[in-house]
């Protein structure tokens, strides 16, 4: 069995004995038995921490859950600086949570019932693996784009009835945010937790319209309405 790993000098091909490995197990076998210079990240080994996200055959996966196949081509996540081999620097992507104010700012004490909890239950499962950012064509060309997991997290708190001032978050995501997304759905396809950031962004767009915002690109159709980017209408 052969797998090729992208490194600074190009792809390096490694020969492994036939077997049922996860990709993480294969990489560990390579590092311990063949090439101890190979660098990659891992943590929980149970698809919880997200640290072993990488790309196989141009598709984002978690190495701890992907079953390696003969001929696989492994590379680091896209759209992030490569530290070494399969290790990337996610600081810029993670900073988007802060830029988007993805937390509860004004908290109202109240009890939540089961229906309240279900509203954003799925969004709470995000493990910040970065797969959605790696697959995002907008983030690839605009590093200021808030991006999938930050916008999903914004929806988590905007939809939480304990948040007193959801409009402050809606205001924050107008620039380099919800209107910049192409709704390509790449983020949903690669998410290991089955979270649809596309659907969350669509809900944030609907919520934005309730606060008087419209798509700033809408004005380019049919002559426009004389509004600036992200200007609210009243």
C-alpha atoms as a PDB file:
ATOM      1  CA  UNK A   1       0.000   0.000   0.000  1.00  0.00           C
ATOM      2  CA  UNK A   2       1.326   3.437  -0.940  1.00  0.00           C
ATOM      3  CA  UNK A   3       0.330   6.899   0.241  1.00  0.00           C
ATOM      4  CA  UNK A   4       1.867  10.188  -0.829  1.00  0.00           C
ATOM      5  CA  UNK A   5       2.272  13.084   1.594  1.00  0.00           C
ATOM      6  CA  UNK A   6       2.796  16.675   0.467  1.00  0.00           C
ATOM      7  CA  UNK A   7       5.921  18.188   1.990  1.00  0.00           C
ATOM      8  CA  UNK A   8       8.005  21.282   1.278  1.00  0.00           C
ATOM      9  CA  UNK A   9       9.885  19.564  -1.520  1.00  0.00           C
ATOM     10  CA  UNK A  10       6.743  18.077  -3.089  1.00  0.00           C
ATOM     11  CA  UNK A  11       5.010  14.744  -2.543  1.00  0.00           C
ATOM     12  CA  UNK A  12       6.870  11.979  -0.722  1.00  0.00           C
ATOM     13  CA  UNK A  13       5.557   8.457  -1.283  1.00  0.00           C
ATOM     14  CA  UNK A  14       5.634   5.919   1.535  1.00  0.00           C
ATOM     15  CA  UNK A  15       5.146   2.169   1.311  1.00  0.00           C
ATOM     16  CA  UNK A  16       3.054   0.518   4.026  1.00  0.00           C
ATOM     17  CA  UNK A  17       2.068  -3.083   4.625  1.00  0.00           C
ATOM     18  CA  UNK A  18      -1.486  -3.875   3.590  1.00  0.00           C
ATOM     19  CA  UNK A  19      -3.923  -3.352   6.425  1.00  0.00           C
ATOM     20  CA  UNK A  20      -7.012  -1.538   7.695  1.00  0.00           C
ATOM     21  CA  UNK A  21      -5.526   1.727   8.964  1.00  0.00           C
ATOM     22  CA  UNK A  22      -7.016   5.050   9.719  1.00  0.00           C
ATOM     23  CA  UNK A  23      -4.971   7.795   8.105  1.00  0.00           C
ATOM     24  CA  UNK A  24      -3.748   8.877  11.525  1.00  0.00           C
ATOM     25  CA  UNK A  25      -2.549   5.353  12.270  1.00  0.00           C
ATOM     26  CA  UNK A  26      -0.773   5.274   8.910  1.00  0.00           C
ATOM     27  CA  UNK A  27       0.942   8.605   9.572  1.00  0.00           C
ATOM     28  CA  UNK A  28       2.020   7.454  13.022  1.00  0.00           C
ATOM     29  CA  UNK A  29       3.403   4.248  11.519  1.00  0.00           C
ATOM     30  CA  UNK A  30       5.370   6.269   8.964  1.00  0.00           C
ATOM     31  CA  UNK A  31       6.750   8.579  11.646  1.00  0.00           C
ATOM     32  CA  UNK A  32       7.740   5.795  14.044  1.00  0.00           C
ATOM     33  CA  UNK A  33       9.043   3.251  11.534  1.00  0.00           C
ATOM     34  CA  UNK A  34      10.004   5.005   8.291  1.00  0.00           C
ATOM     35  CA  UNK A  35      10.520   8.773   8.547  1.00  0.00           C
ATOM     36  CA  UNK A  36      10.674  10.483  11.931  1.00  0.00           C
ATOM     37  CA  UNK A  37      10.860  13.939  10.309  1.00  0.00           C
ATOM     38  CA  UNK A  38       7.219  13.823   9.167  1.00  0.00           C
ATOM     39  CA  UNK A  39       5.100  16.456  10.975  1.00  0.00           C
ATOM     40  CA  UNK A  40       1.337  16.331  11.565  1.00  0.00           C
ATOM     41  CA  UNK A  41      -1.116  17.259  14.323  1.00  0.00           C
ATOM     42  CA  UNK A  42      -3.337  14.963  16.356  1.00  0.00           C
ATOM     43  CA  UNK A  43      -5.053  14.867  19.687  1.00  0.00           C
ATOM     44  CA  UNK A  44      -8.054  12.894  20.862  1.00  0.00           C
ATOM     45  CA  UNK A  45      -8.002  10.206  18.117  1.00  0.00           C
ATOM     46  CA  UNK A  46     -11.813  10.040  18.358  1.00  0.00           C
ATOM     47  CA  UNK A  47     -13.088  12.852  16.068  1.00  0.00           C
ATOM     48  CA  UNK A  48     -13.659  15.276  18.938  1.00  0.00           C
ATOM     49  CA  UNK A  49     -10.759  17.734  18.998  1.00  0.00           C
ATOM     50  CA  UNK A  50     -10.481  18.460  15.265  1.00  0.00           C
ATOM     51  CA  UNK A  51      -6.703  18.854  15.387  1.00  0.00           C
ATOM     52  CA  UNK A  52      -5.966  16.158  12.772  1.00  0.00           C
ATOM     53  CA  UNK A  53      -7.937  17.797   9.940  1.00  0.00           C
ATOM     54  CA  UNK A  54      -6.152  17.597   6.584  1.00  0.00           C
ATOM     55  CA  UNK A  55      -6.940  16.905   2.925  1.00  0.00           C
ATOM     56  CA  UNK A  56      -6.947  13.561   1.159  1.00  0.00           C
ATOM     57  CA  UNK A  57      -7.372  13.479  -2.607  1.00  0.00           C
ATOM     58  CA  UNK A  58      -8.436  17.158  -2.460  1.00  0.00           C
ATOM     59  CA  UNK A  59     -11.133  16.541   0.170  1.00  0.00           C
ATOM     60  CA  UNK A  60     -11.050  17.657   3.818  1.00  0.00           C
ATOM     61  CA  UNK A  61     -11.113  14.793   6.349  1.00  0.00           C
ATOM     62  CA  UNK A  62     -10.230  14.003   9.952  1.00  0.00           C
ATOM     63  CA  UNK A  63      -7.213  11.702   9.830  1.00  0.00           C
ATOM     64  CA  UNK A  64      -8.409   9.769  12.881  1.00  0.00           C
ATOM     65  CA  UNK A  65     -11.621   8.663  11.157  1.00  0.00           C
ATOM     66  CA  UNK A  66     -10.606   8.396   7.487  1.00  0.00           C
ATOM     67  CA  UNK A  67      -9.773   4.848   6.319  1.00  0.00           C
ATOM     68  CA  UNK A  68      -6.626   5.070   4.246  1.00  0.00           C
ATOM     69  CA  UNK A  69      -6.659   3.692   0.688  1.00  0.00           C
ATOM     70  CA  UNK A  70      -3.843   2.671  -1.609  1.00  0.00           C
ATOM     71  CA  UNK A  71      -2.705   5.656  -3.660  1.00  0.00           C
ATOM     72  CA  UNK A  72      -4.108   8.345  -1.339  1.00  0.00           C
ATOM     73  CA  UNK A  73      -2.534  11.781  -1.711  1.00  0.00           C
ATOM     74  CA  UNK A  74      -2.414  13.654   1.602  1.00  0.00           C
ATOM     75  CA  UNK A  75      -1.890  17.390   1.996  1.00  0.00           C
ATOM     76  CA  UNK A  76      -2.402  20.115   4.623  1.00  0.00           C
ATOM     77  CA  UNK A  77      -5.555  22.189   4.861  1.00  0.00           C
ATOM     78  CA  UNK A  78      -5.959  24.948   2.285  1.00  0.00           C
ATOM     79  CA  UNK A  79      -6.095  28.694   2.930  1.00  0.00           C
ATOM     80  CA  UNK A  80      -3.856  28.611   6.015  1.00  0.00           C
ATOM     81  CA  UNK A  81      -0.082  29.076   6.363  1.00  0.00           C
ATOM     82  CA  UNK A  82       1.759  25.762   6.474  1.00  0.00           C
ATOM     83  CA  UNK A  83       4.025  25.480   9.514  1.00  0.00           C
ATOM     84  CA  UNK A  84       5.543  22.200   8.376  1.00  0.00           C
ATOM     85  CA  UNK A  85       4.309  19.281   6.283  1.00  0.00           C
ATOM     86  CA  UNK A  86       0.679  18.678   7.394  1.00  0.00           C
ATOM     87  CA  UNK A  87       0.700  21.214  10.256  1.00  0.00           C
ATOM     88  CA  UNK A  88      -1.007  24.548   9.569  1.00  0.00           C
ATOM     89  CA  UNK A  89      -1.338  27.800  11.503  1.00  0.00           C
ATOM     90  CA  UNK A  90      -5.036  28.318  12.273  1.00  0.00           C
ATOM     91  CA  UNK A  91      -4.655  31.549  14.253  1.00  0.00           C
ATOM     92  CA  UNK A  92      -6.105  33.747  11.510  1.00  0.00           C
ATOM     93  CA  UNK A  93      -9.153  31.520  11.060  1.00  0.00           C
ATOM     94  CA  UNK A  94      -9.750  31.240  14.806  1.00  0.00           C
ATOM     95  CA  UNK A  95      -9.470  35.017  15.156  1.00  0.00           C
ATOM     96  CA  UNK A  96     -12.630  35.293  13.056  1.00  0.00           C
ATOM     97  CA  UNK A  97     -14.660  34.175  16.091  1.00  0.00           C
ATOM     98  CA  UNK A  98     -13.497  37.298  17.909  1.00  0.00           C
ATOM     99  CA  UNK A  99     -14.022  39.503  14.842  1.00  0.00           C
ATOM    100  CA  UNK A 100     -17.587  38.237  14.546  1.00  0.00           C
ATOM    101  CA  UNK A 101     -18.304  38.685  18.288  1.00  0.00           C
ATOM    102  CA  UNK A 102     -19.270  35.034  18.439  1.00  0.00           C
ATOM    103  CA  UNK A 103     -20.285  34.910  22.085  1.00  0.00           C
ATOM    104  CA  UNK A 104     -23.160  36.017  24.304  1.00  0.00           C
ATOM    105  CA  UNK A 105     -22.609  39.698  25.054  1.00  0.00           C
ATOM    106  CA  UNK A 106     -25.746  40.620  26.985  1.00  0.00           C
ATOM    107  CA  UNK A 107     -27.028  37.743  29.034  1.00  0.00           C
ATOM    108  CA  UNK A 108     -30.570  37.419  30.351  1.00  0.00           C
ATOM    109  CA  UNK A 109     -31.137  34.781  33.012  1.00  0.00           C
ATOM    110  CA  UNK A 110     -33.962  32.481  31.998  1.00  0.00           C
ATOM    111  CA  UNK A 111     -34.765  28.789  31.856  1.00  0.00           C
ATOM    112  CA  UNK A 112     -34.457  26.954  28.550  1.00  0.00           C
ATOM    113  CA  UNK A 113     -36.802  24.132  27.621  1.00  0.00           C
ATOM    114  CA  UNK A 114     -35.948  21.259  25.281  1.00  0.00           C
ATOM    115  CA  UNK A 115     -37.295  23.106  22.257  1.00  0.00           C
ATOM    116  CA  UNK A 116     -35.086  26.105  23.030  1.00  0.00           C
ATOM    117  CA  UNK A 117     -32.062  23.841  23.256  1.00  0.00           C
ATOM    118  CA  UNK A 118     -32.801  22.217  19.902  1.00  0.00           C
ATOM    119  CA  UNK A 119     -32.730  25.574  18.096  1.00  0.00           C
ATOM    120  CA  UNK A 120     -28.933  25.685  18.076  1.00  0.00           C
ATOM    121  CA  UNK A 121     -28.038  22.202  19.309  1.00  0.00           C
ATOM    122  CA  UNK A 122     -26.194  21.227  16.114  1.00  0.00           C
ATOM    123  CA  UNK A 123     -24.177  24.461  15.990  1.00  0.00           C
ATOM    124  CA  UNK A 124     -22.838  23.694  19.458  1.00  0.00           C
ATOM    125  CA  UNK A 125     -21.131  20.589  18.041  1.00  0.00           C
ATOM    126  CA  UNK A 126     -18.536  22.563  16.050  1.00  0.00           C
ATOM    127  CA  UNK A 127     -15.008  21.309  16.859  1.00  0.00           C
ATOM    128  CA  UNK A 128     -13.148  24.159  15.076  1.00  0.00           C
ATOM    129  CA  UNK A 129     -11.243  21.721  12.872  1.00  0.00           C
ATOM    130  CA  UNK A 130     -10.926  24.299  10.095  1.00  0.00           C
ATOM    131  CA  UNK A 131     -12.192  22.019   7.320  1.00  0.00           C
ATOM    132  CA  UNK A 132     -14.872  24.518   6.310  1.00  0.00           C
ATOM    133  CA  UNK A 133     -12.297  27.313   5.954  1.00  0.00           C
ATOM    134  CA  UNK A 134     -10.048  25.058   3.898  1.00  0.00           C
ATOM    135  CA  UNK A 135     -12.879  24.310   1.466  1.00  0.00           C
ATOM    136  CA  UNK A 136     -14.262  27.867   1.295  1.00  0.00           C
ATOM    137  CA  UNK A 137     -13.688  29.605  -2.081  1.00  0.00           C
ATOM    138  CA  UNK A 138     -14.469  33.024  -0.596  1.00  0.00           C
ATOM    139  CA  UNK A 139     -11.939  32.720   2.227  1.00  0.00           C
ATOM    140  CA  UNK A 140      -9.405  31.598  -0.389  1.00  0.00           C
ATOM    141  CA  UNK A 141      -9.546  35.033  -2.058  1.00  0.00           C
ATOM    142  CA  UNK A 142     -10.590  37.222   0.887  1.00  0.00           C
ATOM    143  CA  UNK A 143      -8.758  36.616   4.145  1.00  0.00           C
ATOM    144  CA  UNK A 144     -11.032  39.145   5.871  1.00  0.00           C
ATOM    145  CA  UNK A 145     -14.129  37.031   5.239  1.00  0.00           C
ATOM    146  CA  UNK A 146     -15.536  35.958   8.601  1.00  0.00           C
ATOM    147  CA  UNK A 147     -16.044  32.476   7.255  1.00  0.00           C
ATOM    148  CA  UNK A 148     -18.173  29.415   7.951  1.00  0.00           C
ATOM    149  CA  UNK A 149     -17.531  28.369  11.543  1.00  0.00           C
ATOM    150  CA  UNK A 150     -17.521  31.955  12.854  1.00  0.00           C
ATOM    151  CA  UNK A 151     -20.854  32.687  11.165  1.00  0.00           C
ATOM    152  CA  UNK A 152     -22.311  29.389  12.391  1.00  0.00           C
ATOM    153  CA  UNK A 153     -21.274  30.397  15.903  1.00  0.00           C
ATOM    154  CA  UNK A 154     -22.889  33.821  15.448  1.00  0.00           C
ATOM    155  CA  UNK A 155     -26.150  32.107  14.534  1.00  0.00           C
ATOM    156  CA  UNK A 156     -25.825  29.962  17.647  1.00  0.00           C
ATOM    157  CA  UNK A 157     -25.920  33.072  19.827  1.00  0.00           C
ATOM    158  CA  UNK A 158     -28.291  35.174  17.717  1.00  0.00           C
ATOM    159  CA  UNK A 159     -30.820  32.342  17.975  1.00  0.00           C
ATOM    160  CA  UNK A 160     -30.311  31.984  21.742  1.00  0.00           C
ATOM    161  CA  UNK A 161     -33.195  33.705  23.464  1.00  0.00           C
ATOM    162  CA  UNK A 162     -30.927  34.622  26.383  1.00  0.00           C
ATOM    163  CA  UNK A 163     -29.035  37.050  24.144  1.00  0.00           C
ATOM    164  CA  UNK A 164     -30.570  40.472  24.870  1.00  0.00           C
ATOM    165  CA  UNK A 165     -28.991  42.369  21.976  1.00  0.00           C
ATOM    166  CA  UNK A 166     -28.771  40.113  18.920  1.00  0.00           C
ATOM    167  CA  UNK A 167     -28.652  43.162  16.641  1.00  0.00           C
ATOM    168  CA  UNK A 168     -25.091  43.970  17.745  1.00  0.00           C
ATOM    169  CA  UNK A 169     -24.002  40.662  16.211  1.00  0.00           C
ATOM    170  CA  UNK A 170     -26.114  41.211  13.109  1.00  0.00           C
ATOM    171  CA  UNK A 171     -24.430  44.599  12.666  1.00  0.00           C
ATOM    172  CA  UNK A 172     -20.995  42.984  12.904  1.00  0.00           C
ATOM    173  CA  UNK A 173     -21.518  40.390  10.158  1.00  0.00           C
ATOM    174  CA  UNK A 174     -22.630  42.732   7.370  1.00  0.00           C
ATOM    175  CA  UNK A 175     -19.108  43.502   6.126  1.00  0.00           C
ATOM    176  CA  UNK A 176     -16.996  40.527   4.962  1.00  0.00           C
ATOM    177  CA  UNK A 177     -19.756  38.349   6.294  1.00  0.00           C
ATOM    178  CA  UNK A 178     -23.078  36.845   5.302  1.00  0.00           C
ATOM    179  CA  UNK A 179     -23.482  38.685   1.985  1.00  0.00           C
ATOM    180  CA  UNK A 180     -20.033  37.633   0.750  1.00  0.00           C
ATOM    181  CA  UNK A 181     -20.835  33.919   1.029  1.00  0.00           C
ATOM    182  CA  UNK A 182     -21.590  32.286  -2.340  1.00  0.00           C
ATOM    183  CA  UNK A 183     -23.744  29.571  -0.702  1.00  0.00           C
ATOM    184  CA  UNK A 184     -21.676  26.947  -2.531  1.00  0.00           C
ATOM    185  CA  UNK A 185     -22.255  24.475   0.330  1.00  0.00           C
ATOM    186  CA  UNK A 186     -18.636  23.227   0.374  1.00  0.00           C
ATOM    187  CA  UNK A 187     -18.502  23.860   4.123  1.00  0.00           C
ATOM    188  CA  UNK A 188     -21.494  21.614   4.753  1.00  0.00           C
ATOM    189  CA  UNK A 189     -20.101  18.781   2.643  1.00  0.00           C
ATOM    190  CA  UNK A 190     -16.768  18.633   4.508  1.00  0.00           C
ATOM    191  CA  UNK A 191     -18.007  19.264   8.071  1.00  0.00           C
ATOM    192  CA  UNK A 192     -17.323  16.156  10.208  1.00  0.00           C
ATOM    193  CA  UNK A 193     -20.118  17.206  12.567  1.00  0.00           C
ATOM    194  CA  UNK A 194     -22.744  17.581   9.807  1.00  0.00           C
ATOM    195  CA  UNK A 195     -23.223  21.278  10.501  1.00  0.00           C
ATOM    196  CA  UNK A 196     -24.572  23.328   7.606  1.00  0.00           C
ATOM    197  CA  UNK A 197     -22.930  26.746   7.786  1.00  0.00           C
ATOM    198  CA  UNK A 198     -24.691  27.539   4.506  1.00  0.00           C
ATOM    199  CA  UNK A 199     -28.076  27.072   6.182  1.00  0.00           C
ATOM    200  CA  UNK A 200     -26.937  29.144   9.180  1.00  0.00           C
ATOM    201  CA  UNK A 201     -25.796  31.962   6.884  1.00  0.00           C
ATOM    202  CA  UNK A 202     -29.156  31.904   5.119  1.00  0.00           C
ATOM    203  CA  UNK A 203     -30.882  32.226   8.505  1.00  0.00           C
ATOM    204  CA  UNK A 204     -28.579  35.115   9.412  1.00  0.00           C
ATOM    205  CA  UNK A 205     -29.513  36.821   6.151  1.00  0.00           C
ATOM    206  CA  UNK A 206     -33.200  36.438   7.018  1.00  0.00           C
ATOM    207  CA  UNK A 207     -32.558  37.799  10.515  1.00  0.00           C
ATOM    208  CA  UNK A 208     -30.600  40.711   9.016  1.00  0.00           C
ATOM    209  CA  UNK A 209     -33.583  41.638   6.865  1.00  0.00           C
ATOM    210  CA  UNK A 210     -35.685  41.850  10.025  1.00  0.00           C
ATOM    211  CA  UNK A 211     -33.274  44.513  11.272  1.00  0.00           C
ATOM    212  CA  UNK A 212     -33.491  46.467   8.032  1.00  0.00           C
ATOM    213  CA  UNK A 213     -30.489  45.173   6.105  1.00  0.00           C
ATOM    214  CA  UNK A 214     -30.513  44.004   2.511  1.00  0.00           C
ATOM    215  CA  UNK A 215     -27.948  42.287   0.334  1.00  0.00           C
ATOM    216  CA  UNK A 216     -25.626  45.108  -0.835  1.00  0.00           C
ATOM    217  CA  UNK A 217     -25.267  43.281  -4.149  1.00  0.00           C
ATOM    218  CA  UNK A 218     -28.999  43.550  -4.713  1.00  0.00           C
ATOM    219  CA  UNK A 219     -28.625  47.143  -5.809  1.00  0.00           C
ATOM    220  CA  UNK A 220     -26.581  46.059  -8.815  1.00  0.00           C
ATOM    221  CA  UNK A 221     -29.635  44.367 -10.292  1.00  0.00           C
ATOM    222  CA  UNK A 222     -32.115  46.549 -12.088  1.00  0.00           C
ATOM    223  CA  UNK A 223     -30.416  49.855 -11.436  1.00  0.00           C
ATOM    224  CA  UNK A 224     -29.951  49.720  -7.676  1.00  0.00           C
ATOM    225  CA  UNK A 225     -31.527  51.503  -4.757  1.00  0.00           C
ATOM    226  CA  UNK A 226     -28.846  54.020  -3.865  1.00  0.00           C
ATOM    227  CA  UNK A 227     -27.703  52.141  -0.789  1.00  0.00           C
ATOM    228  CA  UNK A 228     -24.139  51.633   0.411  1.00  0.00           C
ATOM    229  CA  UNK A 229     -22.751  48.230   1.340  1.00  0.00           C
ATOM    230  CA  UNK A 230     -24.706  46.780   4.221  1.00  0.00           C
ATOM    231  CA  UNK A 231     -26.727  49.992   4.779  1.00  0.00           C
ATOM    232  CA  UNK A 232     -29.894  49.367   6.803  1.00  0.00           C
ATOM    233  CA  UNK A 233     -33.211  50.483   5.373  1.00  0.00           C
ATOM    234  CA  UNK A 234     -36.033  51.823   7.483  1.00  0.00           C
END
